[in-house]
Amino acid sequence: MIKNVLGDPESRRKMRSAVRRLGRTLKTVLFLSPANAVLIPRKQLAVSIGAECLSFAHGSRFLNRIRISGFRTYRSPEAGRLAPDMVASTTLLYCSQANLTNPQVMLCIPKAWTVIRTTELPAAAGENLANVVSYELDRITPFGPDDAYYDYRLLKAEGGRLQIAVAALRRDTADAYIKALAEKGLLVTKISTNLAAVSTLMDYAWQEQDLIYLDIGSRSYEGGLIRSGVVVAGCADSFNGNVADEHLLADVAENVAPWIEQMEKWNIPPQLAVRAYNGFPCTPLERRLRIPLHQFTNDNSTIPGLKREKAGDDLAYDAVGGVLSALWTKSKAMNLLQRGRATSAPTPMTATFILMAILCLLGILVLLLPLHLENEKVAAVDREIAVRKDAVKKIESLRKDFNGLEDEFKAIADFKQGKQNTLEILKEMTVILPKSVWLTRVHLSGANVSIEGYATSATDILPRIEASPFFSKAEFSSPTMRDARMNMDRFVIRMELEGVKKEESKAKDGKKQ
C-alpha cells in the first residue's frame, strides 16, 4: 500500500511540497537574526481595483507566518473605471468593519492601466541597472521616467546579455487614487498589478510555476504570462457580455497563442490557469488552445494562512495576492512606487535595544550579585551572632570558671606531689609511738616537725622515731622534765621529714651562688 501511495504522482508532489516547506521553516528558525524584519509584527491592507469590482483583503505577519484575516469583494454595477473618491470611501468603510487602524496599503491595479514589456540589456548594465532602466524607460515603454511609476525584475543573465521584465504606470492615473486614500488617512506604500498579485498567490501556494493566467469577468478579461513568479507579458480587453461568443474565444486564443509558442521555445510545457465568472466555457477554450487548463474555484483553492469566513465566499484572489505580495519576503511582485530603486528595509532597532538592555542587565548582575550574596552571608552571620549572644556570654563565663577550677586542681596536685600528707604523718606517729605517750602539740613547718607531750620514759621515743622512714634527725629541742603530778616525762622533740627538700637550704644555696 505504501508503494502505491508513493507511486502516485500527486502524492509525490504533495510530499515534496511538504518537505520543502519544512526545510524552509527549519532554515528560517536556525538562521534567524534578532534584527530580522520577520520578528516585527506587521499588518497589511490590499486594495484591488478591477475592471468590474473592488476587492479588499487584510492580513498580518509575525515570525515569518502570514495570516489572511479577511477579504471582501464589491461588484460594480456599471462598466468603466472606478472613481478615486469612491475607492477611498469604500476602503475606509472596509477598514471600519475589519477594525483596521492606520494600515499600510498595497494598491493593486488592472493590467489595462499598465504596460508590461521584456527587453535585453548588455551585461555591463548590471552594475547600475536601476539607472539604465530609468534612462531606457521611454524606449521600453511609452512613458518617460518622470511621468511614470515603474519597476523591473531581472529574469536571467547569460551570453553577455541581461533579460529583464519592466512594468510601468502613468503617474497621473495612480496619483489620483493615492491622494484620495491619503485624505482618508490611508497611506499607499506599494503599487502593483492584479496579475502580479495573483502570480504571488500562486507562487506562495504552489511554489514557482511557469504558466499562463487568465481572469475572465462578465464584461472584460485580462491575462499574463508568468515565468519564475514574474509577469513578463500581459493583455486586457472587453467584450459584449456574451461569454459563449466565438469572437471572445478567438480573441483570447489570439492573445494567448504567442505565449504558448514562447513557452515551447523555453522547453516548458504550456499550461493555463483560468479564473472565470458567469459560466465561461473553459472546455471549448482548452480544445482550441490544446494545452492543459486548470480552473480556479472557491472549492479547489486552498491558501496557507487563509481564514475563510464562509464556505461560499467569493475568494478575492487579487486582494489576497496583494497582501501576500507585501508581507511575503520572497515575493517577486513589482512595486511600481520604487521606480526601479531597490529600497532596503531599515534594520528594526527594537530587538537590538531589547538585547542591549538584557546584556546591560546581565552585566550589572554579574558585577553586583556576588557582592550582594556576600552581604547576605555577613548579615546572616550577624543575625546568628545576635541570636546566640547570651549563650556565648554564658559559655565565656563557664570557661572562666573552668579555667579557675583547673588552676586550683593543678595547685592541689602540685602541693600533693611536693609535700607529705599531714594525715599520713599523724598516722605514722600513732604507729611508732608507744601507747603510753601522750602528745599535747604537733607542729609542722615545711620539712620540720616538732612534737610536745608526756611519756613514761622520753628516751625510748627517739629510737622509734629514727627507725621510721618518714622522719630523720630526731632530737630533743629542750631538756626533758619530770612532771611530778602526772608522774611522766615532759618532752619536746624536733625532727625532719624524709623526702621533703628544705626551702631554707635552697634560699641559702641561692645566696651563696
Protein backbone atom coordinates (compact mmCIF):
# COMPACT_ATOMS: atom_id res chain seq x y z
CA MET A 1 0.00 0.00 0.00
CA ILE A 2 2.90 2.35 0.87
CA LYS A 3 4.43 1.67 -2.54
CA ASN A 4 1.14 2.53 -4.21
CA VAL A 5 0.85 5.80 -2.29
CA LEU A 6 4.43 6.86 -3.04
CA GLY A 7 3.98 5.83 -6.65
CA ASP A 8 1.09 8.24 -7.11
CA PRO A 9 2.44 11.42 -8.84
CA GLU A 10 0.06 13.66 -6.92
CA SER A 11 1.16 12.13 -3.60
CA ARG A 12 4.82 12.58 -4.51
CA ARG A 13 4.18 16.20 -5.43
CA LYS A 14 2.43 16.87 -2.12
CA MET A 15 5.19 15.13 -0.21
CA ARG A 16 7.90 17.15 -1.96
CA SER A 17 5.94 20.31 -1.26
CA ALA A 18 5.64 19.43 2.43
CA VAL A 19 9.35 18.62 2.67
CA ARG A 20 10.25 21.94 1.04
CA ARG A 21 8.01 23.85 3.43
CA LEU A 22 9.56 22.03 6.39
CA GLY A 23 13.05 22.78 5.09
CA ARG A 24 12.23 26.47 4.66
CA THR A 25 10.82 26.61 8.19
CA LEU A 26 13.92 24.96 9.69
CA LYS A 27 16.19 27.27 7.72
CA THR A 28 14.26 30.30 8.92
CA VAL A 29 14.47 29.20 12.56
CA LEU A 30 18.14 28.16 12.51
CA PHE A 31 19.44 31.22 10.65
CA LEU A 32 17.06 33.81 12.09
CA SER A 33 18.66 37.08 13.11
CA PRO A 34 17.23 39.12 16.02
CA ALA A 35 17.19 42.12 13.66
CA ASN A 36 15.21 40.25 11.01
CA ALA A 37 12.06 42.03 9.94
CA VAL A 38 10.01 38.86 10.26
CA LEU A 39 10.25 39.21 14.04
CA ILE A 40 8.39 42.52 13.91
CA PRO A 41 4.57 42.14 13.80
CA ARG A 42 3.11 43.80 10.72
CA LYS A 43 -0.38 44.35 9.35
CA GLN A 44 -1.24 44.95 5.70
CA LEU A 45 -4.29 46.02 3.72
CA ALA A 46 -4.58 45.33 -0.01
CA VAL A 47 -6.97 47.25 -2.27
CA SER A 48 -7.52 45.69 -5.68
CA ILE A 49 -9.13 47.88 -8.33
CA GLY A 50 -10.57 45.62 -11.00
CA ALA A 51 -12.34 46.37 -14.24
CA GLU A 52 -15.66 45.21 -12.73
CA CYS A 53 -15.12 45.07 -8.97
CA LEU A 54 -13.31 46.45 -5.95
CA SER A 55 -11.69 43.85 -3.68
CA PHE A 56 -10.14 44.10 -0.24
CA ALA A 57 -8.10 41.79 1.95
CA HIS A 58 -6.10 42.27 5.10
CA GLY A 59 -3.64 40.10 6.95
CA SER A 60 -0.65 40.07 9.24
CA ARG A 61 2.82 38.58 9.54
CA PHE A 62 4.64 37.52 12.68
CA LEU A 63 7.65 35.21 12.99
CA ASN A 64 7.52 34.70 9.21
CA ARG A 65 3.99 33.31 9.48
CA ILE A 66 1.45 35.07 7.25
CA ARG A 67 -2.23 35.01 8.10
CA ILE A 68 -5.03 36.34 5.89
CA SER A 69 -7.57 37.69 8.36
CA GLY A 70 -10.37 38.67 6.00
CA PHE A 71 -11.41 39.71 2.49
CA ARG A 72 -14.40 41.12 0.61
CA THR A 73 -15.39 41.90 -2.99
CA TYR A 74 -17.74 44.69 -4.08
CA ARG A 75 -19.16 44.30 -7.61
CA SER A 76 -19.53 47.43 -9.73
CA PRO A 77 -22.95 47.66 -11.44
CA GLU A 78 -21.57 49.89 -14.20
CA ALA A 79 -18.67 49.45 -16.58
CA GLY A 80 -15.78 51.87 -16.53
CA ARG A 81 -13.02 52.98 -14.20
CA LEU A 82 -13.92 53.34 -10.51
CA ALA A 83 -13.72 56.92 -9.21
CA PRO A 84 -10.87 57.62 -6.71
CA ASP A 85 -13.26 59.11 -4.13
CA MET A 86 -15.50 56.06 -4.29
CA VAL A 87 -12.47 53.75 -3.88
CA ALA A 88 -11.22 55.76 -0.89
CA SER A 89 -14.66 55.83 0.80
CA THR A 90 -15.20 52.10 0.30
CA THR A 91 -11.71 51.37 1.62
CA LEU A 92 -12.41 53.41 4.75
CA LEU A 93 -15.69 51.52 5.23
CA TYR A 94 -13.89 48.18 4.95
CA CYS A 95 -11.27 49.29 7.49
CA SER A 96 -14.02 50.27 9.89
CA GLN A 97 -15.78 46.92 9.51
CA ALA A 98 -12.50 44.99 9.87
CA ASN A 99 -11.30 47.11 12.85
CA LEU A 100 -8.15 48.20 10.99
CA THR A 101 -6.32 51.29 12.26
CA ASN A 102 -3.74 53.09 10.10
CA PRO A 103 -2.83 50.06 7.98
CA GLN A 104 -0.22 50.13 5.23
CA VAL A 105 -2.00 49.98 1.86
CA MET A 106 -0.98 47.84 -1.10
CA LEU A 107 -2.76 49.17 -4.20
CA CYS A 108 -3.34 46.59 -6.96
CA ILE A 109 -4.36 47.96 -10.36
CA PRO A 110 -5.72 46.42 -13.60
CA LYS A 111 -3.42 45.34 -16.38
CA ALA A 112 -5.15 47.82 -18.70
CA TRP A 113 -3.56 50.72 -16.77
CA THR A 114 -0.05 49.41 -17.14
CA VAL A 115 2.47 48.45 -19.79
CA ILE A 116 4.47 45.24 -19.33
CA ARG A 117 7.50 44.64 -21.52
CA THR A 118 10.56 42.41 -21.64
CA THR A 119 13.86 43.62 -23.02
CA GLU A 120 17.54 42.78 -23.13
CA LEU A 121 20.47 44.90 -21.99
CA PRO A 122 24.24 44.41 -22.10
CA ALA A 123 25.72 42.61 -19.12
CA ALA A 124 27.70 45.76 -18.25
CA ALA A 125 24.40 47.46 -17.38
CA GLY A 126 24.08 45.15 -14.36
CA GLU A 127 26.48 47.32 -12.38
CA ASN A 128 23.99 50.20 -12.42
CA LEU A 129 20.83 48.54 -13.66
CA ALA A 130 18.36 50.90 -11.95
CA ASN A 131 19.79 53.98 -13.68
CA VAL A 132 19.99 52.18 -17.02
CA VAL A 133 16.32 51.15 -16.80
CA SER A 134 15.36 54.73 -15.90
CA TYR A 135 17.33 56.05 -18.87
CA GLU A 136 15.90 53.45 -21.27
CA LEU A 137 12.32 53.57 -19.96
CA ASP A 138 10.98 55.80 -22.74
CA ARG A 139 12.42 53.32 -25.24
CA ILE A 140 10.99 50.26 -23.50
CA THR A 141 7.59 51.79 -22.66
CA PRO A 142 5.53 54.77 -23.88
CA PHE A 143 6.34 56.67 -20.65
CA GLY A 144 9.31 58.71 -19.54
CA PRO A 145 10.89 58.18 -16.10
CA ASP A 146 9.41 61.42 -14.74
CA ASP A 147 5.89 60.62 -15.93
CA ALA A 148 5.56 57.07 -14.68
CA TYR A 149 5.72 54.72 -11.72
CA TYR A 150 7.72 51.69 -12.80
CA ASP A 151 9.76 48.74 -11.62
CA TYR A 152 11.70 45.85 -13.14
CA ARG A 153 12.83 42.32 -12.41
CA LEU A 154 15.90 40.52 -13.72
CA LEU A 155 14.82 37.29 -15.43
CA LYS A 156 18.16 35.80 -16.46
CA ALA A 157 21.72 36.68 -17.36
CA GLU A 158 23.52 34.64 -19.98
CA GLY A 159 25.59 35.13 -23.11
CA GLY A 160 26.67 38.61 -22.02
CA ARG A 161 23.04 39.81 -22.02
CA LEU A 162 20.55 40.62 -19.28
CA GLN A 163 16.88 39.85 -19.81
CA ILE A 164 14.55 41.98 -17.69
CA ALA A 165 10.81 42.49 -17.33
CA VAL A 166 9.55 46.07 -16.90
CA ALA A 167 6.11 47.29 -15.76
CA ALA A 168 5.12 50.96 -15.94
CA LEU A 169 2.08 53.04 -14.94
CA ARG A 170 1.28 56.63 -15.80
CA ARG A 171 1.77 58.75 -12.64
CA ASP A 172 -1.34 60.88 -13.19
CA THR A 173 -3.53 57.77 -13.11
CA ALA A 174 -2.15 56.49 -9.78
CA ASP A 175 -1.74 59.89 -8.07
CA ALA A 176 -5.48 60.49 -8.02
CA TYR A 177 -6.06 57.32 -6.01
CA ILE A 178 -3.04 57.88 -3.77
CA LYS A 179 -4.28 61.37 -2.92
CA ALA A 180 -7.88 60.25 -2.32
CA LEU A 181 -6.72 57.48 0.05
CA ALA A 182 -4.33 59.84 1.83
CA GLU A 183 -7.20 62.23 2.52
CA LYS A 184 -8.90 59.35 4.37
CA GLY A 185 -5.76 58.74 6.44
CA LEU A 186 -4.65 55.71 4.40
CA LEU A 187 -1.04 55.66 3.21
CA VAL A 188 -0.24 53.80 -0.01
CA THR A 189 3.20 52.20 0.36
CA LYS A 190 3.17 49.83 -2.63
CA ILE A 191 1.57 49.63 -6.08
CA SER A 192 1.46 46.51 -8.21
CA THR A 193 -0.74 44.90 -10.83
CA ASN A 194 -3.53 42.43 -10.16
CA LEU A 195 -1.69 39.96 -12.36
CA ALA A 196 1.45 40.24 -10.18
CA ALA A 197 -0.67 39.80 -7.04
CA VAL A 198 -2.26 36.59 -8.36
CA SER A 199 1.17 35.40 -9.51
CA THR A 200 2.47 35.86 -5.94
CA LEU A 201 -0.54 33.97 -4.57
CA MET A 202 0.14 31.01 -6.86
CA ASP A 203 3.85 31.14 -6.12
CA TYR A 204 3.14 31.20 -2.36
CA ALA A 205 0.62 28.36 -2.51
CA TRP A 206 2.15 26.07 -5.15
CA GLN A 207 5.76 27.29 -5.48
CA GLU A 208 7.21 28.74 -8.67
CA GLN A 209 5.41 27.65 -11.84
CA ASP A 210 5.67 28.86 -15.39
CA LEU A 211 2.14 29.23 -16.76
CA ILE A 212 -0.42 31.42 -18.46
CA TYR A 213 -3.08 33.04 -16.28
CA LEU A 214 -6.47 34.35 -17.42
CA ASP A 215 -9.00 36.29 -15.36
CA ILE A 216 -12.29 36.39 -17.31
CA GLY A 217 -15.09 38.53 -15.93
CA SER A 218 -18.60 39.23 -17.14
CA ARG A 219 -17.60 42.12 -19.46
CA SER A 220 -13.79 42.04 -19.65
CA TYR A 221 -10.76 39.86 -19.21
CA GLU A 222 -7.05 40.16 -18.57
CA GLY A 223 -4.19 37.70 -18.64
CA GLY A 224 -0.49 37.34 -18.26
CA LEU A 225 2.48 35.10 -18.95
CA ILE A 226 4.18 34.17 -15.68
CA ARG A 227 7.75 32.95 -15.61
CA SER A 228 9.52 32.10 -12.33
CA GLY A 229 6.93 34.09 -10.39
CA VAL A 230 7.28 37.25 -12.55
CA VAL A 231 4.68 38.55 -15.00
CA VAL A 232 6.63 39.05 -18.22
CA ALA A 233 3.71 39.85 -20.58
CA GLY A 234 0.06 40.78 -20.29
CA CYS A 235 -3.13 41.51 -22.16
CA ALA A 236 -6.53 43.03 -21.37
CA ASP A 237 -9.74 43.57 -23.36
CA SER A 238 -13.51 43.85 -23.03
CA PHE A 239 -16.43 42.10 -24.77
CA ASN A 240 -20.18 42.39 -25.12
CA GLY A 241 -21.04 40.23 -22.13
CA ASN A 242 -21.79 37.01 -24.04
CA VAL A 243 -19.29 34.54 -22.59
CA ALA A 244 -20.24 31.94 -25.21
CA ASP A 245 -19.39 34.29 -28.08
CA GLU A 246 -16.97 32.69 -30.52
CA HIS A 247 -15.35 36.07 -31.03
CA LEU A 248 -14.38 36.12 -27.35
CA LEU A 249 -12.82 32.67 -27.59
CA ALA A 250 -10.98 33.66 -30.73
CA ASP A 251 -9.78 36.91 -29.17
CA VAL A 252 -8.49 35.10 -26.06
CA ALA A 253 -6.81 32.42 -28.16
CA GLU A 254 -5.19 35.08 -30.33
CA ASN A 255 -3.63 36.79 -27.27
CA VAL A 256 -2.54 33.53 -25.64
CA ALA A 257 -1.08 31.83 -28.72
CA PRO A 258 2.22 33.82 -28.77
CA TRP A 259 2.76 32.98 -25.11
CA ILE A 260 2.30 29.28 -25.83
CA GLU A 261 4.91 29.47 -28.56
CA GLN A 262 7.24 31.33 -26.21
CA MET A 263 6.92 28.65 -23.51
CA GLU A 264 7.64 25.96 -26.07
CA LYS A 265 10.83 27.82 -27.04
CA TRP A 266 11.78 27.76 -23.33
CA ASN A 267 11.19 23.99 -23.34
CA ILE A 268 8.46 24.49 -20.74
CA PRO A 269 5.21 22.52 -21.12
CA PRO A 270 2.47 25.15 -21.59
CA GLN A 271 -0.35 25.17 -19.07
CA LEU A 272 -3.23 27.54 -18.49
CA ALA A 273 -4.83 28.67 -15.20
CA VAL A 274 -8.24 30.35 -15.53
CA ARG A 275 -10.47 32.19 -13.11
CA ALA A 276 -13.84 32.76 -14.77
CA TYR A 277 -17.27 34.15 -13.80
CA ASN A 278 -20.79 33.56 -15.10
CA GLY A 279 -20.18 30.11 -16.56
CA PHE A 280 -17.44 30.87 -19.02
CA PRO A 281 -16.96 27.71 -21.19
CA CYS A 282 -13.43 26.62 -20.29
CA THR A 283 -13.70 23.33 -22.19
CA PRO A 284 -14.02 24.95 -25.66
CA LEU A 285 -11.08 27.19 -24.80
CA GLU A 286 -8.99 24.17 -23.75
CA ARG A 287 -9.85 22.40 -27.01
CA ARG A 288 -8.97 25.46 -29.04
CA LEU A 289 -5.60 26.05 -27.33
CA ARG A 290 -4.74 22.34 -26.92
CA ILE A 291 -2.95 22.80 -23.59
CA PRO A 292 -3.87 21.64 -20.07
CA LEU A 293 -6.30 24.01 -18.36
CA HIS A 294 -6.84 24.39 -14.62
CA GLN A 295 -9.84 26.41 -13.49
CA PHE A 296 -9.77 28.16 -10.11
CA THR A 297 -12.85 27.81 -7.95
CA ASN A 298 -13.55 28.52 -4.31
CA ASP A 299 -13.68 24.79 -3.66
CA ASN A 300 -10.25 23.90 -5.03
CA SER A 301 -8.40 27.00 -3.78
CA THR A 302 -6.54 26.30 -0.56
CA ILE A 303 -4.35 29.20 0.52
CA PRO A 304 -1.98 28.73 3.50
CA GLY A 305 -2.95 31.01 6.37
CA LEU A 306 -6.31 31.92 4.82
CA LYS A 307 -9.27 32.13 7.20
CA ARG A 308 -12.42 31.65 5.11
CA GLU A 309 -15.43 33.33 6.69
CA LYS A 310 -17.99 31.28 4.81
CA ALA A 311 -17.75 28.27 2.54
CA GLY A 312 -19.46 30.16 -0.27
CA ASP A 313 -17.40 33.33 -0.05
CA ASP A 314 -16.07 34.54 -3.41
CA LEU A 315 -12.32 34.47 -2.83
CA ALA A 316 -10.72 37.82 -3.64
CA TYR A 317 -7.66 36.41 -5.43
CA ASP A 318 -6.25 39.81 -6.42
CA ALA A 319 -6.53 41.36 -2.95
CA VAL A 320 -5.30 38.25 -1.12
CA GLY A 321 -2.35 38.12 -3.52
CA GLY A 322 -1.71 41.80 -2.81
CA VAL A 323 -1.43 41.09 0.93
CA LEU A 324 0.98 38.24 0.20
CA SER A 325 3.00 40.45 -2.16
CA ALA A 326 3.51 42.98 0.62
CA LEU A 327 4.13 40.56 3.53
CA TRP A 328 5.95 37.63 1.93
CA THR A 329 9.70 38.27 1.91
CA LYS A 330 10.19 36.06 -1.18
CA SER A 331 7.57 37.78 -3.29
CA LYS A 332 8.70 38.78 -6.79
CA ALA A 333 5.85 41.18 -7.38
CA MET A 334 6.98 44.59 -8.59
CA ASN A 335 6.42 47.71 -6.52
CA LEU A 336 5.90 50.48 -9.04
CA LEU A 337 6.33 53.16 -6.38
CA GLN A 338 10.01 52.22 -6.10
CA ARG A 339 10.59 53.47 -9.65
CA GLY A 340 13.32 50.89 -10.12
CA ARG A 341 15.13 51.71 -6.89
CA ALA A 342 15.64 48.78 -4.55
CA THR A 343 14.78 50.10 -1.11
CA SER A 344 16.25 48.13 1.75
CA ALA A 345 14.07 47.97 4.78
CA PRO A 346 15.63 49.74 7.79
CA THR A 347 17.02 47.43 10.41
CA PRO A 348 14.46 47.10 13.20
CA MET A 349 16.09 48.61 16.26
CA THR A 350 13.55 47.41 18.81
CA ALA A 351 15.05 43.92 19.04
CA THR A 352 18.55 45.43 19.19
CA PHE A 353 17.61 47.75 22.06
CA ILE A 354 15.95 44.87 23.91
CA LEU A 355 19.06 42.69 23.53
CA MET A 356 21.32 45.57 24.60
CA ALA A 357 19.17 46.17 27.68
CA ILE A 358 19.30 42.46 28.54
CA LEU A 359 23.10 42.41 28.13
CA CYS A 360 23.48 45.50 30.33
CA LEU A 361 21.23 43.97 32.96
CA LEU A 362 23.24 40.74 32.88
CA GLY A 363 26.49 42.72 33.23
CA ILE A 364 25.13 44.60 36.24
CA LEU A 365 24.01 41.33 37.79
CA VAL A 366 27.45 39.77 37.20
CA LEU A 367 29.10 42.72 38.99
CA LEU A 368 26.66 43.22 41.84
CA LEU A 369 25.27 39.77 42.51
CA PRO A 370 28.45 38.33 44.16
CA LEU A 371 28.69 41.41 46.41
CA HIS A 372 25.02 41.12 47.28
CA LEU A 373 25.42 37.43 48.12
CA GLU A 374 28.43 38.15 50.36
CA ASN A 375 26.49 40.90 52.13
CA GLU A 376 23.66 38.47 52.67
CA LYS A 377 26.08 35.95 54.19
CA VAL A 378 27.55 38.60 56.51
CA ALA A 379 24.08 39.72 57.54
CA ALA A 380 23.10 36.11 58.22
CA VAL A 381 26.20 35.64 60.40
CA ASP A 382 25.42 38.88 62.28
CA ARG A 383 21.88 37.71 62.89
CA GLU A 384 23.17 34.35 64.13
CA ILE A 385 25.63 36.08 66.46
CA ALA A 386 22.90 38.36 67.82
CA VAL A 387 20.65 35.36 68.47
CA ARG A 388 23.44 33.44 70.28
CA LYS A 389 24.98 36.41 72.12
CA ASP A 390 23.56 35.46 75.54
CA ALA A 391 24.60 31.84 75.08
CA VAL A 392 28.11 32.98 74.15
CA LYS A 393 28.30 35.08 77.31
CA LYS A 394 27.26 32.10 79.41
CA ILE A 395 29.83 29.93 77.67
CA GLU A 396 32.55 32.53 78.31
CA SER A 397 31.58 32.69 81.99
CA LEU A 398 31.66 28.90 82.31
CA ARG A 399 35.01 28.83 80.55
CA LYS A 400 36.45 31.29 83.08
CA ASP A 401 35.10 29.19 85.97
CA PHE A 402 36.53 26.07 84.36
CA ASN A 403 39.94 27.66 83.96
CA GLY A 404 39.89 28.78 87.64
CA LEU A 405 39.00 25.32 88.86
CA GLU A 406 41.62 23.80 86.59
CA ASP A 407 44.24 26.10 88.12
CA GLU A 408 43.13 25.14 91.65
CA PHE A 409 43.25 21.44 90.80
CA LYS A 410 46.71 21.91 89.39
CA ALA A 411 47.87 23.73 92.53
CA ILE A 412 46.49 20.98 94.72
CA ALA A 413 48.18 18.33 92.60
CA ASP A 414 51.47 20.21 92.78
CA PHE A 415 51.08 20.58 96.51
CA LYS A 416 50.39 16.87 96.87
CA GLN A 417 53.43 15.97 94.82
CA GLY A 418 55.79 18.26 96.79
CA LYS A 419 54.70 17.60 100.43
CA GLN A 420 53.75 14.73 102.70
CA ASN A 421 50.16 14.43 103.72
CA THR A 422 49.55 15.63 107.31
CA LEU A 423 47.24 12.75 107.98
CA GLU A 424 49.88 10.28 106.89
CA ILE A 425 52.38 11.93 109.23
CA LEU A 426 49.98 11.73 112.17
CA LYS A 427 49.17 8.13 111.32
CA GLU A 428 52.87 7.25 111.29
CA MET A 429 53.36 8.87 114.69
CA THR A 430 50.44 6.93 116.05
CA VAL A 431 52.03 3.71 114.83
CA ILE A 432 55.62 4.28 116.04
CA LEU A 433 54.92 5.93 119.43
CA PRO A 434 54.07 3.74 122.41
CA LYS A 435 50.57 3.79 123.80
CA SER A 436 51.87 5.41 126.98
CA VAL A 437 52.90 8.52 125.08
CA TRP A 438 50.53 11.47 125.17
CA LEU A 439 51.04 14.23 122.60
CA THR A 440 49.90 17.70 123.52
CA ARG A 441 51.15 19.53 120.43
CA VAL A 442 52.25 18.69 116.85
CA HIS A 443 53.75 21.46 114.73
CA LEU A 444 54.51 21.08 111.01
CA SER A 445 56.59 23.72 109.27
CA GLY A 446 57.80 22.76 105.83
CA ALA A 447 60.23 19.87 106.36
CA ASN A 448 60.45 20.39 110.15
CA VAL A 449 58.20 18.62 112.61
CA SER A 450 58.02 19.43 116.30
CA ILE A 451 56.08 17.40 118.87
CA GLU A 452 55.40 18.00 122.57
CA GLY A 453 53.92 15.65 125.14
CA TYR A 454 54.32 13.28 128.03
CA ALA A 455 55.83 9.83 128.16
CA THR A 456 56.74 7.32 130.82
CA SER A 457 60.30 7.38 129.50
CA ALA A 458 61.19 10.09 126.97
CA THR A 459 64.45 8.44 125.98
CA ASP A 460 62.59 5.47 124.47
CA ILE A 461 60.90 7.71 121.91
CA LEU A 462 63.93 8.85 119.87
CA PRO A 463 64.96 5.36 118.62
CA ARG A 464 61.42 4.70 117.42
CA ILE A 465 61.32 7.98 115.54
CA GLU A 466 64.71 7.41 113.92
CA ALA A 467 63.58 3.96 112.77
CA SER A 468 60.60 5.43 110.87
CA PRO A 469 61.06 6.04 107.10
CA PHE A 470 59.15 9.33 107.46
CA PHE A 471 61.50 11.08 109.89
CA SER A 472 65.18 11.75 110.34
CA LYS A 473 67.48 13.73 112.63
CA ALA A 474 65.22 13.37 115.64
CA GLU A 475 66.50 15.19 118.77
CA PHE A 476 65.26 16.84 121.95
CA SER A 477 64.90 20.54 121.38
CA SER A 478 64.79 21.19 125.14
CA PRO A 479 65.64 19.23 128.31
CA THR A 480 63.06 16.74 129.47
CA MET A 481 61.35 17.48 132.75
CA ARG A 482 59.65 15.12 135.17
CA ASP A 483 56.11 16.09 135.90
CA ALA A 484 55.52 15.01 139.46
CA ARG A 485 51.85 15.46 139.32
CA MET A 486 51.42 13.22 136.24
CA ASN A 487 54.47 11.08 137.12
CA MET A 488 55.61 11.32 133.44
CA ASP A 489 58.43 12.95 131.48
CA ARG A 490 57.55 16.10 129.59
CA PHE A 491 59.43 16.27 126.26
CA VAL A 492 59.86 18.44 123.15
CA ILE A 493 61.32 16.62 120.14
CA ARG A 494 62.31 18.16 116.79
CA MET A 495 62.79 16.13 113.59
CA GLU A 496 62.84 16.44 109.79
CA LEU A 497 60.60 14.80 107.18
CA GLU A 498 62.30 12.39 104.82
CA GLY A 499 62.00 13.23 101.06
CA VAL A 500 61.00 16.87 101.56
CA LYS A 501 63.52 19.48 100.49
CA LYS A 502 64.14 22.30 102.82
CA GLU A 503 63.19 25.67 101.47
CA GLU A 504 65.64 27.35 103.80
CA SER A 505 68.52 25.35 102.33
CA LYS A 506 67.55 26.41 98.83
CA ALA A 507 67.42 30.01 99.83
CA LYS A 508 70.87 29.78 101.48
CA ASP A 509 72.29 27.99 98.44
CA GLY A 510 70.89 30.75 96.16
CA LYS A 511 72.57 33.43 98.26
CA LYS A 512 75.90 31.58 98.14
CA GLN A 513 75.71 31.34 94.39
